[in-house]
Amino acid sequence: MIQIENQTVIFTGNESKDVTFSTVFLGPPSISAYAINNNAEIFVSNLTTSGCTLNTSAPITGQVRIVAVRG
């Protein structure tokens, strides 16, 4: 079974944001994340089957797009 979830996360001058997936994955998913119209690097921490924390290389205001895939 392949599980996929897409989300857009809004940052407002912060360097991290907790994300909760809309469904629980069967195991920890692979995450792809990028900032829209922003040059900040994005990295993931605290990855679980139900969510993760997105971190940025500097405070940003804008959108970060994530795709979580398991399977």
PDB file of N, CA and C in Angstrom:
ATOM      1  N   MET A   1       0.828  -1.178   0.000  1.00  0.00           N
ATOM      2  CA  MET A   1       0.000   0.000   0.000  1.00  0.00           C
ATOM      3  C   MET A   1       0.877   1.248   0.000  1.00  0.00           C
ATOM      4  N   ILE A   2       0.635   2.130  -0.958  1.00  0.00           N
ATOM      5  CA  ILE A   2       1.375   3.386  -1.039  1.00  0.00           C
ATOM      6  C   ILE A   2       0.540   4.480  -0.388  1.00  0.00           C
ATOM      7  N   GLN A   3       1.172   5.223   0.513  1.00  0.00           N
ATOM      8  CA  GLN A   3       0.517   6.347   1.174  1.00  0.00           C
ATOM      9  C   GLN A   3       1.225   7.629   0.763  1.00  0.00           C
ATOM     10  N   ILE A   4       0.457   8.644   0.367  1.00  0.00           N
ATOM     11  CA  ILE A   4       1.021   9.933  -0.057  1.00  0.00           C
ATOM     12  C   ILE A   4       0.203  11.059   0.562  1.00  0.00           C
ATOM     13  N   GLU A   5       0.898  12.074   1.010  1.00  0.00           N
ATOM     14  CA  GLU A   5       0.217  13.265   1.518  1.00  0.00           C
ATOM     15  C   GLU A   5       0.967  14.511   1.079  1.00  0.00           C
ATOM     16  N   ASN A   6       0.228  15.524   0.639  1.00  0.00           N
ATOM     17  CA  ASN A   6       0.771  16.835   0.269  1.00  0.00           C
ATOM     18  C   ASN A   6       0.224  17.868   1.227  1.00  0.00           C
ATOM     19  N   GLN A   7       1.072  18.791   1.644  1.00  0.00           N
ATOM     20  CA  GLN A   7       0.626  19.895   2.498  1.00  0.00           C
ATOM     21  C   GLN A   7       1.397  21.156   2.158  1.00  0.00           C
ATOM     22  N   THR A   8       0.767  22.273   2.371  1.00  0.00           N
ATOM     23  CA  THR A   8       1.439  23.566   2.341  1.00  0.00           C
ATOM     24  C   THR A   8       1.405  24.110   3.760  1.00  0.00           C
ATOM     25  N   VAL A   9       2.577  24.428   4.282  1.00  0.00           N
ATOM     26  CA  VAL A   9       2.718  24.899   5.661  1.00  0.00           C
ATOM     27  C   VAL A   9       3.100  26.377   5.610  1.00  0.00           C
ATOM     28  N   ILE A  10       2.418  27.197   6.383  1.00  0.00           N
ATOM     29  CA  ILE A  10       2.667  28.632   6.402  1.00  0.00           C
ATOM     30  C   ILE A  10       3.618  28.994   7.543  1.00  0.00           C
ATOM     31  N   PHE A  11       4.708  29.668   7.193  1.00  0.00           N
ATOM     32  CA  PHE A  11       5.661  30.186   8.173  1.00  0.00           C
ATOM     33  C   PHE A  11       5.468  31.701   8.277  1.00  0.00           C
ATOM     34  N   THR A  12       5.511  32.237   9.480  1.00  0.00           N
ATOM     35  CA  THR A  12       5.372  33.683   9.689  1.00  0.00           C
ATOM     36  C   THR A  12       6.506  34.185  10.577  1.00  0.00           C
ATOM     37  N   GLY A  13       7.686  34.273   9.984  1.00  0.00           N
ATOM     38  CA  GLY A  13       8.846  34.783  10.702  1.00  0.00           C
ATOM     39  C   GLY A  13       9.480  33.801  11.666  1.00  0.00           C
ATOM     40  N   ASN A  14       9.204  32.513  11.494  1.00  0.00           N
ATOM     41  CA  ASN A  14       9.778  31.525  12.411  1.00  0.00           C
ATOM     42  C   ASN A  14      10.715  30.569  11.681  1.00  0.00           C
ATOM     43  N   GLU A  15      11.458  29.782  12.473  1.00  0.00           N
ATOM     44  CA  GLU A  15      12.439  28.843  11.933  1.00  0.00           C
ATOM     45  C   GLU A  15      12.003  27.397  12.026  1.00  0.00           C
ATOM     46  N   SER A  16      10.878  27.110  12.680  1.00  0.00           N
ATOM     47  CA  SER A  16      10.399  25.734  12.753  1.00  0.00           C
ATOM     48  C   SER A  16       8.884  25.722  12.873  1.00  0.00           C
ATOM     49  N   LYS A  17       8.311  24.618  12.454  1.00  0.00           N
ATOM     50  CA  LYS A  17       6.857  24.471  12.481  1.00  0.00           C
ATOM     51  C   LYS A  17       6.531  22.990  12.605  1.00  0.00           C
ATOM     52  N   ASP A  18       5.659  22.656  13.536  1.00  0.00           N
ATOM     53  CA  ASP A  18       5.204  21.276  13.688  1.00  0.00           C
ATOM     54  C   ASP A  18       4.127  20.981  12.653  1.00  0.00           C
ATOM     55  N   VAL A  19       4.206  19.797  12.057  1.00  0.00           N
ATOM     56  CA  VAL A  19       3.256  19.357  11.035  1.00  0.00           C
ATOM     57  C   VAL A  19       2.596  18.076  11.519  1.00  0.00           C
ATOM     58  N   THR A  20       1.284  18.007  11.406  1.00  0.00           N
ATOM     59  CA  THR A  20       0.540  16.789  11.697  1.00  0.00           C
ATOM     60  C   THR A  20      -0.052  16.275  10.398  1.00  0.00           C
ATOM     61  N   PHE A  21       0.220  15.010  10.073  1.00  0.00           N
ATOM     62  CA  PHE A  21      -0.336  14.417   8.861  1.00  0.00           C
ATOM     63  C   PHE A  21      -1.827  14.177   9.053  1.00  0.00           C
ATOM     64  N   SER A  22      -2.585  14.212   7.963  1.00  0.00           N
ATOM     65  CA  SER A  22      -4.041  14.019   8.060  1.00  0.00           C
ATOM     66  C   SER A  22      -4.405  12.567   8.348  1.00  0.00           C
ATOM     67  N   THR A  23      -3.513  11.643   8.005  1.00  0.00           N
ATOM     68  CA  THR A  23      -3.706  10.232   8.356  1.00  0.00           C
ATOM     69  C   THR A  23      -2.404   9.705   8.931  1.00  0.00           C
ATOM     70  N   VAL A  24      -2.484   8.656   9.695  1.00  0.00           N
ATOM     71  CA  VAL A  24      -1.287   8.043  10.270  1.00  0.00           C
ATOM     72  C   VAL A  24      -0.687   7.089   9.245  1.00  0.00           C
ATOM     73  N   PHE A  25       0.610   7.249   8.976  1.00  0.00           N
ATOM     74  CA  PHE A  25       1.313   6.362   8.052  1.00  0.00           C
ATOM     75  C   PHE A  25       1.602   5.025   8.721  1.00  0.00           C
ATOM     76  N   LEU A  26       1.759   3.979   7.914  1.00  0.00           N
ATOM     77  CA  LEU A  26       2.053   2.639   8.438  1.00  0.00           C
ATOM     78  C   LEU A  26       3.460   2.558   9.026  1.00  0.00           C
ATOM     79  N   GLY A  27       4.332   3.434   8.602  1.00  0.00           N
ATOM     80  CA  GLY A  27       5.698   3.560   9.100  1.00  0.00           C
ATOM     81  C   GLY A  27       6.156   4.971   8.787  1.00  0.00           C
ATOM     82  N   PRO A  28       7.313   5.388   9.287  1.00  0.00           N
ATOM     83  CA  PRO A  28       7.774   6.749   9.009  1.00  0.00           C
ATOM     84  C   PRO A  28       7.911   6.981   7.495  1.00  0.00           C
ATOM     85  N   PRO A  29       7.324   8.055   6.960  1.00  0.00           N
ATOM     86  CA  PRO A  29       7.396   8.323   5.526  1.00  0.00           C
ATOM     87  C   PRO A  29       8.690   9.026   5.140  1.00  0.00           C
ATOM     88  N   SER A  30       8.968   9.026   3.850  1.00  0.00           N
ATOM     89  CA  SER A  30      10.022   9.872   3.290  1.00  0.00           C
ATOM     90  C   SER A  30       9.410  11.243   3.042  1.00  0.00           C
ATOM     91  N   ILE A  31      10.175  12.291   3.321  1.00  0.00           N
ATOM     92  CA  ILE A  31       9.664  13.657   3.209  1.00  0.00           C
ATOM     93  C   ILE A  31      10.488  14.435   2.193  1.00  0.00           C
ATOM     94  N   SER A  32       9.791  15.144   1.325  1.00  0.00           N
ATOM     95  CA  SER A  32      10.411  16.127   0.437  1.00  0.00           C
ATOM     96  C   SER A  32       9.794  17.468   0.791  1.00  0.00           C
ATOM     97  N   ALA A  33      10.629  18.481   1.021  1.00  0.00           N
ATOM     98  CA  ALA A  33      10.112  19.792   1.421  1.00  0.00           C
ATOM     99  C   ALA A  33      10.918  20.890   0.744  1.00  0.00           C
ATOM    100  N   TYR A  34      10.214  21.955   0.335  1.00  0.00           N
ATOM    101  CA  TYR A  34      10.894  23.100  -0.268  1.00  0.00           C
ATOM    102  C   TYR A  34      10.114  24.376   0.032  1.00  0.00           C
ATOM    103  N   ALA A  35      10.857  25.479   0.128  1.00  0.00           N
ATOM    104  CA  ALA A  35      10.246  26.787   0.372  1.00  0.00           C
ATOM    105  C   ALA A  35       9.824  27.384  -0.962  1.00  0.00           C
ATOM    106  N   ILE A  36       8.611  27.937  -0.994  1.00  0.00           N
ATOM    107  CA  ILE A  36       8.099  28.590  -2.196  1.00  0.00           C
ATOM    108  C   ILE A  36       8.502  30.065  -2.140  1.00  0.00           C
ATOM    109  N   ASN A  37       9.178  30.542  -3.181  1.00  0.00           N
ATOM    110  CA  ASN A  37       9.618  31.947  -3.265  1.00  0.00           C
ATOM    111  C   ASN A  37      10.486  32.368  -2.092  1.00  0.00           C
ATOM    112  N   ASN A  38      11.367  31.479  -1.659  1.00  0.00           N
ATOM    113  CA  ASN A  38      12.253  31.773  -0.545  1.00  0.00           C
ATOM    114  C   ASN A  38      13.502  30.919  -0.707  1.00  0.00           C
ATOM    115  N   ASN A  39      14.656  31.445  -0.369  1.00  0.00           N
ATOM    116  CA  ASN A  39      15.917  30.715  -0.550  1.00  0.00           C
ATOM    117  C   ASN A  39      16.355  29.917   0.665  1.00  0.00           C
ATOM    118  N   ALA A  40      15.525  29.780   1.656  1.00  0.00           N
ATOM    119  CA  ALA A  40      15.906  29.058   2.874  1.00  0.00           C
ATOM    120  C   ALA A  40      15.996  27.556   2.610  1.00  0.00           C
ATOM    121  N   GLU A  41      16.918  26.917   3.295  1.00  0.00           N
ATOM    122  CA  GLU A  41      16.995  25.458   3.256  1.00  0.00           C
ATOM    123  C   GLU A  41      15.999  24.900   4.262  1.00  0.00           C
ATOM    124  N   ILE A  42      15.376  23.777   3.906  1.00  0.00           N
ATOM    125  CA  ILE A  42      14.376  23.136   4.759  1.00  0.00           C
ATOM    126  C   ILE A  42      14.906  21.771   5.167  1.00  0.00           C
ATOM    127  N   PHE A  43      14.793  21.450   6.450  1.00  0.00           N
ATOM    128  CA  PHE A  43      15.156  20.105   6.896  1.00  0.00           C
ATOM    129  C   PHE A  43      14.135  19.622   7.914  1.00  0.00           C
ATOM    130  N   VAL A  44      14.034  18.301   8.023  1.00  0.00           N
ATOM    131  CA  VAL A  44      13.010  17.650   8.839  1.00  0.00           C
ATOM    132  C   VAL A  44      13.636  17.075  10.100  1.00  0.00           C
ATOM    133  N   SER A  45      12.923  17.202  11.219  1.00  0.00           N
ATOM    134  CA  SER A  45      13.326  16.542  12.456  1.00  0.00           C
ATOM    135  C   SER A  45      12.077  15.952  13.112  1.00  0.00           C
ATOM    136  N   ASN A  46      12.288  15.133  14.112  1.00  0.00           N
ATOM    137  CA  ASN A  46      11.198  14.533  14.888  1.00  0.00           C
ATOM    138  C   ASN A  46      10.161  13.811  14.018  1.00  0.00           C
ATOM    139  N   LEU A  47      10.621  13.095  13.012  1.00  0.00           N
ATOM    140  CA  LEU A  47       9.723  12.396  12.094  1.00  0.00           C
ATOM    141  C   LEU A  47       9.092  11.180  12.770  1.00  0.00           C
ATOM    142  N   THR A  48       7.755  11.108  12.698  1.00  0.00           N
ATOM    143  CA  THR A  48       7.007   9.957  13.210  1.00  0.00           C
ATOM    144  C   THR A  48       5.990   9.553  12.147  1.00  0.00           C
ATOM    145  N   THR A  49       5.182   8.577  12.453  1.00  0.00           N
ATOM    146  CA  THR A  49       4.141   8.152  11.523  1.00  0.00           C
ATOM    147  C   THR A  49       2.977   9.141  11.472  1.00  0.00           C
ATOM    148  N   SER A  50       2.917  10.069  12.409  1.00  0.00           N
ATOM    149  CA  SER A  50       1.796  11.015  12.451  1.00  0.00           C
ATOM    150  C   SER A  50       2.193  12.474  12.234  1.00  0.00           C
ATOM    151  N   GLY A  51       3.489  12.753  12.076  1.00  0.00           N
ATOM    152  CA  GLY A  51       3.899  14.131  11.848  1.00  0.00           C
ATOM    153  C   GLY A  51       5.399  14.314  11.878  1.00  0.00           C
ATOM    154  N   CYS A  52       5.817  15.581  11.823  1.00  0.00           N
ATOM    155  CA  CYS A  52       7.238  15.919  11.852  1.00  0.00           C
ATOM    156  C   CYS A  52       7.378  17.391  12.205  1.00  0.00           C
ATOM    157  N   THR A  53       8.613  17.829  12.338  1.00  0.00           N
ATOM    158  CA  THR A  53       8.911  19.241  12.515  1.00  0.00           C
ATOM    159  C   THR A  53       9.700  19.699  11.300  1.00  0.00           C
ATOM    160  N   LEU A  54       9.261  20.788  10.686  1.00  0.00           N
ATOM    161  CA  LEU A  54      10.004  21.407   9.589  1.00  0.00           C
ATOM    162  C   LEU A  54      10.863  22.514  10.172  1.00  0.00           C
ATOM    163  N   ASN A  55      12.120  22.558   9.776  1.00  0.00           N
ATOM    164  CA  ASN A  55      13.065  23.562  10.248  1.00  0.00           C
ATOM    165  C   ASN A  55      13.639  24.297   9.052  1.00  0.00           C
ATOM    166  N   THR A  56      13.947  25.580   9.223  1.00  0.00           N
ATOM    167  CA  THR A  56      14.532  26.367   8.143  1.00  0.00           C
ATOM    168  C   THR A  56      15.902  26.882   8.550  1.00  0.00           C
ATOM    169  N   SER A  57      16.713  27.220   7.555  1.00  0.00           N
ATOM    170  CA  SER A  57      18.064  27.704   7.824  1.00  0.00           C
ATOM    171  C   SER A  57      18.075  29.129   8.372  1.00  0.00           C
ATOM    172  N   ALA A  58      16.949  29.827   8.246  1.00  0.00           N
ATOM    173  CA  ALA A  58      16.785  31.190   8.763  1.00  0.00           C
ATOM    174  C   ALA A  58      15.293  31.439   8.927  1.00  0.00           C
ATOM    175  N   PRO A  59      14.908  32.417   9.748  1.00  0.00           N
ATOM    176  CA  PRO A  59      13.483  32.714   9.863  1.00  0.00           C
ATOM    177  C   PRO A  59      12.904  33.113   8.503  1.00  0.00           C
ATOM    178  N   ILE A  60      11.747  32.571   8.171  1.00  0.00           N
ATOM    179  CA  ILE A  60      11.112  32.918   6.900  1.00  0.00           C
ATOM    180  C   ILE A  60       9.642  33.264   7.118  1.00  0.00           C
ATOM    181  N   THR A  61       9.125  34.012   6.183  1.00  0.00           N
ATOM    182  CA  THR A  61       7.698  34.257   6.091  1.00  0.00           C
ATOM    183  C   THR A  61       7.281  33.803   4.703  1.00  0.00           C
ATOM    184  N   GLY A  62       6.429  32.818   4.656  1.00  0.00           N
ATOM    185  CA  GLY A  62       6.000  32.284   3.370  1.00  0.00           C
ATOM    186  C   GLY A  62       5.541  30.840   3.505  1.00  0.00           C
ATOM    187  N   GLN A  63       5.451  30.193   2.359  1.00  0.00           N
ATOM    188  CA  GLN A  63       4.927  28.832   2.308  1.00  0.00           C
ATOM    189  C   GLN A  63       6.042  27.810   2.111  1.00  0.00           C
ATOM    190  N   VAL A  64       5.874  26.676   2.766  1.00  0.00           N
ATOM    191  CA  VAL A  64       6.749  25.511   2.546  1.00  0.00           C
ATOM    192  C   VAL A  64       5.852  24.375   2.092  1.00  0.00           C
ATOM    193  N   ARG A  65       6.204  23.757   1.007  1.00  0.00           N
ATOM    194  CA  ARG A  65       5.427  22.636   0.443  1.00  0.00           C
ATOM    195  C   ARG A  65       6.097  21.344   0.862  1.00  0.00           C
ATOM    196  N   ILE A  66       5.310  20.386   1.364  1.00  0.00           N
ATOM    197  CA  ILE A  66       5.863  19.083   1.722  1.00  0.00           C
ATOM    198  C   ILE A  66       5.074  17.967   1.037  1.00  0.00           C
ATOM    199  N   VAL A  67       5.798  16.903   0.740  1.00  0.00           N
ATOM    200  CA  VAL A  67       5.196  15.681   0.238  1.00  0.00           C
ATOM    201  C   VAL A  67       5.740  14.548   1.111  1.00  0.00           C
ATOM    202  N   ALA A  68       4.843  13.783   1.686  1.00  0.00           N
ATOM    203  CA  ALA A  68       5.218  12.625   2.513  1.00  0.00           C
ATOM    204  C   ALA A  68       4.777  11.377   1.778  1.00  0.00           C
ATOM    205  N   VAL A  69       5.706  10.406   1.642  1.00  0.00           N
ATOM    206  CA  VAL A  69       5.412   9.175   0.900  1.00  0.00           C
ATOM    207  C   VAL A  69       5.880   7.967   1.700  1.00  0.00           C
ATOM    208  N   ARG A  70       5.033   6.959   1.756  1.00  0.00           N
ATOM    209  CA  ARG A  70       5.379   5.686   2.384  1.00  0.00           C
ATOM    210  C   ARG A  70       4.882   4.575   1.487  1.00  0.00           C
ATOM    211  N   GLY A  71       5.735   3.617   1.183  1.00  0.00           N
ATOM    212  CA  GLY A  71       5.301   2.477   0.393  1.00  0.00           C
ATOM    213  C   GLY A  71       6.313   2.109  -0.558  1.00  0.00           C
TER     214      GLY A  71
END
